[in-house]
Structure formats: C-alpha cells, structure tokens
C-alpha cells in the first residue's frame, strides 16, 4: 500500500532554449540574445524593470550622415588639391612673367644708360681748332684723380690768376701748366683747378674742361666756369689777345649749352672777400670781356 508520501514527486525540468548566434545592439554594445525565447515569448508578457540596457523592438542606426560627411570631406580634400595645383601653376606663371619683364627692363635701362646717359658724362670738346687752343692731350696733362660733372647750363664765369710765373712761349707755358697741375694735386684737389687757363700770349689751355666741376672759388665752383690767367697780375701786364681769345671760348660755351646766353662774369675778388685775384691789372681790363658786371669791384684788393 502506497502512501502519498512514499511516492516520489514528479518534477518537470525545462531545459533552457538553445542560444542562437543572433546579436542585438544594446546601448551601443553588441550582445548575444536568445532569439528562440524572444520569439516564443510574446512581447506583451515581458516585464523589464530598471534597466537601461534593454531595447524592445527594432532599432535603426543611421550611417548615412557619416558616409555623407566622409564623401564631403574627401571632396573638399580633392578640391583643395585641385585648387592648390592650379594656384601653384598660376604662381609659377606669374614668377616667369615677372622675371621676363625684369630682364627686359634691365636690358632696356642698361642700353639707355650706356648709349644716352653715360654719353653725357664725358668731357665736352669745344670744337675749337686753332693753334692758340690746346687740349689736355696737347699739354700732356696728368690724369685726374676723379671727374665730377656740372649740371648745365651755368649762369656765371669767374676769372682769377695763378699768382705764379708769367709766360709767353708755348713750351714755357706748357711747363708752367704742368707745375700748376702738380701744385693743385698736392693740395689734395682732384685735378688742376680751373676749367680753362690763359697764358700771356693768348694761348687758351683746356684745364678740367667745359663741363667738369672745377676748383677755384668756394661756393661758386659748382655753378660757374672758372678761368685763370697764368701769372701774377699785381705786376704782370695783360695783352689784348688774351681777352680776344677768351671771348671766342666764352661764345663757344654759350653755343654748346654750357653757359646761359645771359651769363654774368665776375673777377674772383668780386665774389670772395679779402681777395687780390685776378689782380688789379686784370680787373681794369675785364670790361673787355662780354657780360662782365662791375658789382663789388671796389672790394678787390690791389695787392
């Protein structure tokens, strides 16, 4: 006789459903889920409490935006590469054009300077072909230390004297010219001082030349043609031929644009105080030279 207590109670054991390999995304994490349990248990019977990791129902993740942004970025990068390439080509072309224009301008400027500007920076020849007119090469002048050219035309002529030996013979005067040049160079001057010198017998020597900055009258050197009579005219006498030949030279200076047609001529003592040069014997005869002004002639010392 069996009692209820003797019988072993029957227990039904349910094995867990098999776990599939399906996955679900929960809070950005990939987790395996029991698809069979999910499919066998109605959603309405599930009860989830205090869980932020469970998502019920389908979840859609949009990757379109990421793809679009990537394409846009790639496009921008590609565009930048294209623009950068075009800019580089334009820059190279601009540099090439600039170099070409610079070369053209440089060559043109060099041609202008060599054929026009520099042509003016040479000693001007007065085109006087007379036995009484001696150029630098005729009296064997030494080379100057430097040459500084005048801005032409000029408005003044200043006349002085050398206060050295008086001469009337050609070769004697050439020797005197060389002595004067050496003396002026020893003073530290760049060359013989005056533009022209006149001997006692009327020989006109080319000194520095018609358009070269001379040295004889401070404050007047750069705006004047400087003439020096060879000799000491506190005692030496002038001759008419000196003024005759000097007037020819002055006329030629006007003709070639070195002197203004309305230039003014002074003795050195008229523009420099306490000065004897060109000496009283020359001052008395300056009226024989064109354009002489007697202004301040009373200030000239007699020696």
Protein backbone atom coordinates (compact mmCIF):
# COMPACT_ATOMS: atom_id res chain seq x y z
CA UNK A 1 0.00 0.00 0.00
CA UNK A 2 1.49 3.09 -1.05
CA UNK A 3 1.04 6.27 0.67
CA UNK A 4 1.22 9.58 -0.97
CA UNK A 5 4.38 10.30 0.95
CA UNK A 6 6.12 7.21 -0.32
CA UNK A 7 5.71 8.28 -3.94
CA UNK A 8 8.46 10.45 -5.37
CA UNK A 9 7.08 13.69 -6.60
CA UNK A 10 7.43 14.28 -10.34
CA UNK A 11 9.32 17.38 -11.39
CA UNK A 12 9.23 18.69 -14.87
CA UNK A 13 12.52 20.13 -15.86
CA UNK A 14 12.58 22.54 -18.69
CA UNK A 15 15.85 22.87 -20.43
CA UNK A 16 16.75 26.36 -21.45
CA UNK A 17 16.18 27.15 -25.02
CA UNK A 18 19.18 26.98 -27.22
CA UNK A 19 21.14 30.14 -27.59
CA UNK A 20 21.42 31.31 -31.13
CA UNK A 21 24.19 33.32 -32.63
CA UNK A 22 21.97 36.29 -33.27
CA UNK A 23 23.14 39.62 -31.87
CA UNK A 24 21.45 42.81 -30.85
CA UNK A 25 22.81 46.28 -30.21
CA UNK A 26 22.04 47.47 -26.71
CA UNK A 27 23.39 50.85 -25.60
CA UNK A 28 25.99 50.78 -28.40
CA UNK A 29 27.17 47.32 -27.34
CA UNK A 30 26.86 44.13 -29.28
CA UNK A 31 25.28 41.34 -27.13
CA UNK A 32 24.11 37.85 -27.92
CA UNK A 33 20.36 37.24 -27.31
CA UNK A 34 18.20 34.21 -27.09
CA UNK A 35 16.20 34.55 -30.26
CA UNK A 36 14.13 31.48 -29.55
CA UNK A 37 12.99 32.81 -26.19
CA UNK A 38 12.29 36.17 -27.74
CA UNK A 39 10.29 34.51 -30.49
CA UNK A 40 8.44 32.14 -28.17
CA UNK A 41 7.57 34.73 -25.55
CA UNK A 42 5.18 37.46 -26.57
CA UNK A 43 6.48 40.95 -26.06
CA UNK A 44 3.36 41.83 -24.12
CA UNK A 45 4.32 39.32 -21.42
CA UNK A 46 7.82 40.69 -20.86
CA UNK A 47 8.38 42.77 -17.80
CA UNK A 48 11.57 44.84 -17.62
CA UNK A 49 12.24 46.88 -14.53
CA UNK A 50 15.01 49.45 -14.01
CA UNK A 51 17.12 48.55 -16.98
CA UNK A 52 18.63 51.00 -19.42
CA UNK A 53 20.41 48.29 -21.34
CA UNK A 54 17.37 46.61 -22.85
CA UNK A 55 15.78 47.85 -26.04
CA UNK A 56 12.47 46.42 -27.10
CA UNK A 57 11.65 46.49 -30.74
CA UNK A 58 13.75 47.23 -33.77
CA UNK A 59 16.49 49.82 -33.53
CA UNK A 60 17.69 51.63 -36.59
CA UNK A 61 21.13 53.08 -36.78
CA UNK A 62 21.72 55.68 -39.46
CA UNK A 63 25.11 55.62 -41.06
CA UNK A 64 24.09 57.86 -43.94
CA UNK A 65 25.32 61.02 -42.24
CA UNK A 66 28.72 59.54 -41.58
CA UNK A 67 29.08 58.39 -45.15
CA UNK A 68 27.90 61.74 -46.49
CA UNK A 69 30.34 63.61 -44.30
CA UNK A 70 33.15 61.36 -45.41
CA UNK A 71 32.30 61.97 -49.04
CA UNK A 72 32.11 65.69 -48.43
CA UNK A 73 35.47 65.65 -46.68
CA UNK A 74 37.00 63.65 -49.48
CA UNK A 75 35.51 66.05 -51.97
CA UNK A 76 36.84 69.02 -50.08
CA UNK A 77 40.29 67.48 -49.90
CA UNK A 78 40.16 66.69 -53.60
CA UNK A 79 39.01 70.23 -54.33
CA UNK A 80 41.81 71.65 -52.26
CA UNK A 81 44.27 69.50 -54.14
CA UNK A 82 42.90 70.75 -57.44
CA UNK A 83 42.88 74.37 -56.31
CA UNK A 84 46.35 74.01 -54.86
CA UNK A 85 47.63 72.61 -58.13
CA UNK A 86 46.05 75.44 -60.14
CA UNK A 87 47.40 78.05 -57.71
CA UNK A 88 50.88 76.59 -58.00
CA UNK A 89 50.72 76.75 -61.78
CA UNK A 90 49.47 80.34 -61.68
CA UNK A 91 52.21 81.28 -59.22
CA UNK A 92 54.87 79.76 -61.45
CA UNK A 93 53.48 81.59 -64.47
CA UNK A 94 53.42 84.88 -62.54
CA UNK A 95 57.03 84.40 -61.44
CA UNK A 96 58.08 83.60 -65.01
CA UNK A 97 56.33 86.71 -66.35
CA UNK A 98 57.89 88.85 -63.60
CA UNK A 99 61.37 87.53 -64.36
CA UNK A 100 60.90 88.17 -68.09
CA UNK A 101 59.73 91.74 -67.53
CA UNK A 102 62.56 92.37 -65.07
CA UNK A 103 65.07 91.14 -67.64
CA UNK A 104 63.54 93.32 -70.37
CA UNK A 105 63.52 96.42 -68.16
CA UNK A 106 67.09 95.77 -67.00
CA UNK A 107 68.35 95.37 -70.56
CA UNK A 108 66.47 98.47 -71.68
CA UNK A 109 67.79 100.51 -68.78
CA UNK A 110 71.32 99.31 -69.43
CA UNK A 111 71.01 100.26 -73.08
CA UNK A 112 69.71 103.72 -72.19
CA UNK A 113 72.45 104.35 -69.64
CA UNK A 114 75.24 103.13 -71.90
CA UNK A 115 74.06 104.95 -75.04
CA UNK A 116 72.44 108.10 -73.70
CA UNK A 117 73.05 108.85 -70.02
CA UNK A 118 76.73 107.93 -69.99
CA UNK A 119 77.32 109.70 -73.29
CA UNK A 120 76.69 112.98 -71.46
CA UNK A 121 79.18 112.13 -68.74
CA UNK A 122 82.28 112.72 -70.80
CA UNK A 123 84.48 115.79 -71.08
CA UNK A 124 82.89 118.12 -73.61
CA UNK A 125 85.06 119.24 -76.52
CA UNK A 126 84.50 122.84 -77.65
CA UNK A 127 85.31 122.03 -81.27
CA UNK A 128 87.85 124.86 -81.47
CA UNK A 129 90.64 124.04 -83.90
CA UNK A 130 93.08 126.91 -83.58
CA UNK A 131 96.82 126.89 -82.82
CA UNK A 132 96.18 129.02 -79.75
CA UNK A 133 93.76 126.44 -78.23
CA UNK A 134 95.46 123.48 -76.53
CA UNK A 135 93.55 120.48 -75.23
CA UNK A 136 94.68 118.40 -72.27
CA UNK A 137 96.46 115.93 -74.52
CA UNK A 138 98.31 118.81 -76.22
CA UNK A 139 99.93 119.94 -72.99
CA UNK A 140 100.29 116.35 -71.66
CA UNK A 141 98.05 116.82 -68.65
CA UNK A 142 98.24 114.16 -65.96
CA UNK A 143 95.12 112.06 -65.41
CA UNK A 144 92.75 113.45 -62.78
CA UNK A 145 92.09 111.54 -59.58
CA UNK A 146 88.38 111.81 -60.30
CA UNK A 147 85.93 113.73 -62.51
CA UNK A 148 82.72 115.36 -61.30
CA UNK A 149 80.43 116.79 -63.96
CA UNK A 150 78.46 120.03 -63.83
CA UNK A 151 74.72 120.50 -64.20
CA UNK A 152 74.36 122.62 -67.31
CA UNK A 153 73.75 125.34 -68.32
CA UNK A 154 75.63 127.62 -65.94
CA UNK A 155 74.96 131.25 -65.09
CA UNK A 156 78.38 132.55 -64.07
CA UNK A 157 82.01 132.89 -65.14
CA UNK A 158 84.68 133.63 -62.51
CA UNK A 159 88.10 134.98 -63.53
CA UNK A 160 91.23 134.65 -61.35
CA UNK A 161 95.00 134.40 -61.73
CA UNK A 162 97.59 131.77 -60.78
CA UNK A 163 99.95 134.18 -58.96
CA UNK A 164 102.83 132.15 -60.44
CA UNK A 165 105.23 132.72 -63.32
CA UNK A 166 104.14 134.72 -66.32
CA UNK A 167 104.81 133.08 -69.71
CA UNK A 168 104.55 133.98 -73.38
CA UNK A 169 106.20 131.00 -75.12
CA UNK A 170 104.25 127.81 -75.87
CA UNK A 171 106.60 125.24 -74.30
CA UNK A 172 107.43 127.51 -71.44
CA UNK A 173 103.69 127.84 -70.78
CA UNK A 174 103.19 124.05 -71.06
CA UNK A 175 105.83 123.60 -68.35
CA UNK A 176 104.02 126.21 -66.26
CA UNK A 177 100.72 124.37 -66.77
CA UNK A 178 102.23 121.11 -65.51
CA UNK A 179 103.68 122.89 -62.47
CA UNK A 180 100.28 124.40 -61.66
CA UNK A 181 98.59 120.99 -62.00
CA UNK A 182 101.14 119.35 -59.70
CA UNK A 183 100.67 122.12 -57.15
CA UNK A 184 96.90 121.70 -57.18
CA UNK A 185 97.15 117.92 -56.88
CA UNK A 186 99.50 118.32 -53.89
CA UNK A 187 96.81 120.43 -52.23
CA UNK A 188 94.52 117.42 -52.37
CA UNK A 189 92.49 118.59 -55.34
CA UNK A 190 91.30 116.06 -57.91
CA UNK A 191 92.94 117.86 -60.84
CA UNK A 192 94.17 121.27 -61.93
CA UNK A 193 91.62 123.72 -60.53
CA UNK A 194 90.17 125.90 -63.33
CA UNK A 195 88.19 124.88 -66.39
CA UNK A 196 90.46 126.97 -68.66
CA UNK A 197 93.75 128.87 -68.29
CA UNK A 198 95.13 131.73 -70.40
CA UNK A 199 98.82 132.48 -70.97
CA UNK A 200 100.36 135.90 -71.54
CA UNK A 201 100.48 135.42 -75.32
CA UNK A 202 96.80 134.40 -75.50
CA UNK A 203 97.12 130.60 -75.56
CA UNK A 204 93.99 129.08 -74.01
CA UNK A 205 94.63 125.77 -72.23
CA UNK A 206 91.90 123.26 -71.52
CA UNK A 207 92.07 122.68 -67.77
CA UNK A 208 89.38 120.49 -66.27
CA UNK A 209 87.24 121.09 -69.33
CA UNK A 210 83.98 122.77 -70.27
CA UNK A 211 81.52 120.63 -68.30
CA UNK A 212 83.64 119.47 -65.36
CA UNK A 213 83.27 120.72 -61.80
CA UNK A 214 86.26 122.99 -61.09
CA UNK A 215 88.02 124.33 -58.00
CA UNK A 216 88.97 127.95 -57.54
CA UNK A 217 86.16 129.97 -55.92
CA UNK A 218 84.43 128.36 -52.94
CA UNK A 219 80.61 128.50 -53.17
CA UNK A 220 80.88 129.31 -56.88
CA UNK A 221 82.69 126.26 -58.22
CA UNK A 222 79.62 124.19 -58.99
CA UNK A 223 77.67 126.94 -60.75
CA UNK A 224 80.46 128.65 -62.69
CA UNK A 225 83.06 128.29 -65.42
CA UNK A 226 86.43 129.10 -63.83
CA UNK A 227 89.08 130.97 -65.86
CA UNK A 228 92.65 131.50 -64.64
CA UNK A 229 95.22 133.89 -66.12
CA UNK A 230 98.73 132.43 -65.84
CA UNK A 231 100.93 134.93 -63.98
CA UNK A 232 100.77 137.42 -61.13
CA UNK A 233 98.73 140.35 -62.30
CA UNK A 234 99.58 142.60 -59.43
CA UNK A 235 102.73 143.26 -61.51
CA UNK A 236 102.35 141.40 -64.84
CA UNK A 237 100.62 143.18 -67.71
CA UNK A 238 97.72 141.87 -69.74
CA UNK A 239 97.63 141.69 -73.55
CA UNK A 240 94.64 142.30 -75.86
CA UNK A 241 94.96 138.84 -77.41
CA UNK A 242 94.19 137.23 -74.04
CA UNK A 243 90.72 138.80 -73.98
CA UNK A 244 90.17 138.28 -77.70
CA UNK A 245 90.74 134.52 -77.49
CA UNK A 246 88.89 134.21 -74.20
CA UNK A 247 85.81 135.84 -75.74
CA UNK A 248 85.85 133.21 -78.52
CA UNK A 249 85.92 130.44 -75.90
CA UNK A 250 83.04 132.04 -73.97
CA UNK A 251 80.94 132.33 -77.13
CA UNK A 252 81.55 128.66 -77.87
CA UNK A 253 80.50 127.73 -74.33
CA UNK A 254 77.19 129.52 -74.91
CA UNK A 255 76.76 127.86 -78.30
CA UNK A 256 77.23 124.38 -76.83
CA UNK A 257 74.87 124.98 -73.92
CA UNK A 258 77.47 125.15 -71.18
CA UNK A 259 76.69 128.79 -70.38
CA UNK A 260 73.35 130.51 -70.42
CA UNK A 261 73.14 133.30 -73.01
CA UNK A 262 72.60 135.80 -70.18
CA UNK A 263 75.50 134.61 -68.00
CA UNK A 264 77.35 137.06 -65.71
CA UNK A 265 81.14 137.39 -65.43
CA UNK A 266 82.95 138.41 -62.23
CA UNK A 267 86.52 138.70 -61.04
CA UNK A 268 87.28 136.29 -58.20
CA UNK A 269 87.78 139.19 -55.77
CA UNK A 270 84.21 140.33 -56.50
CA UNK A 271 82.72 137.14 -55.05
CA UNK A 272 85.31 136.35 -52.34
CA UNK A 273 86.15 138.88 -49.64
CA UNK A 274 89.73 139.99 -48.94
CA UNK A 275 90.99 138.58 -52.24
CA UNK A 276 93.50 140.00 -54.73
CA UNK A 277 92.88 137.54 -57.60
CA UNK A 278 92.72 138.17 -60.51
CA UNK A 279 94.90 141.16 -59.69
CA UNK A 280 94.31 144.85 -60.39
CA UNK A 281 95.79 144.68 -63.90
CA UNK A 282 93.15 142.14 -64.94
CA UNK A 283 90.31 143.87 -63.10
CA UNK A 284 90.98 147.05 -65.08
CA UNK A 285 90.56 145.13 -68.35
CA UNK A 286 87.58 142.93 -67.51
CA UNK A 287 85.31 145.33 -69.34
CA UNK A 288 86.85 143.81 -72.48
CA UNK A 289 85.07 140.53 -71.66
CA UNK A 290 81.42 140.07 -72.52
CA UNK A 291 78.88 140.03 -69.68
CA UNK A 292 81.24 141.41 -67.05
CA UNK A 293 79.48 143.01 -64.07
CA UNK A 294 81.28 145.70 -62.06
CA UNK A 295 79.28 144.83 -58.94
CA UNK A 296 81.53 144.70 -55.84
CA UNK A 297 84.65 145.50 -57.88
CA UNK A 298 85.55 148.15 -55.31
CA UNK A 299 86.10 145.34 -52.78
CA UNK A 300 89.00 143.86 -54.74
CA UNK A 301 92.39 144.20 -53.05
CA UNK A 302 95.25 145.72 -55.02
CA UNK A 303 98.00 143.62 -53.51
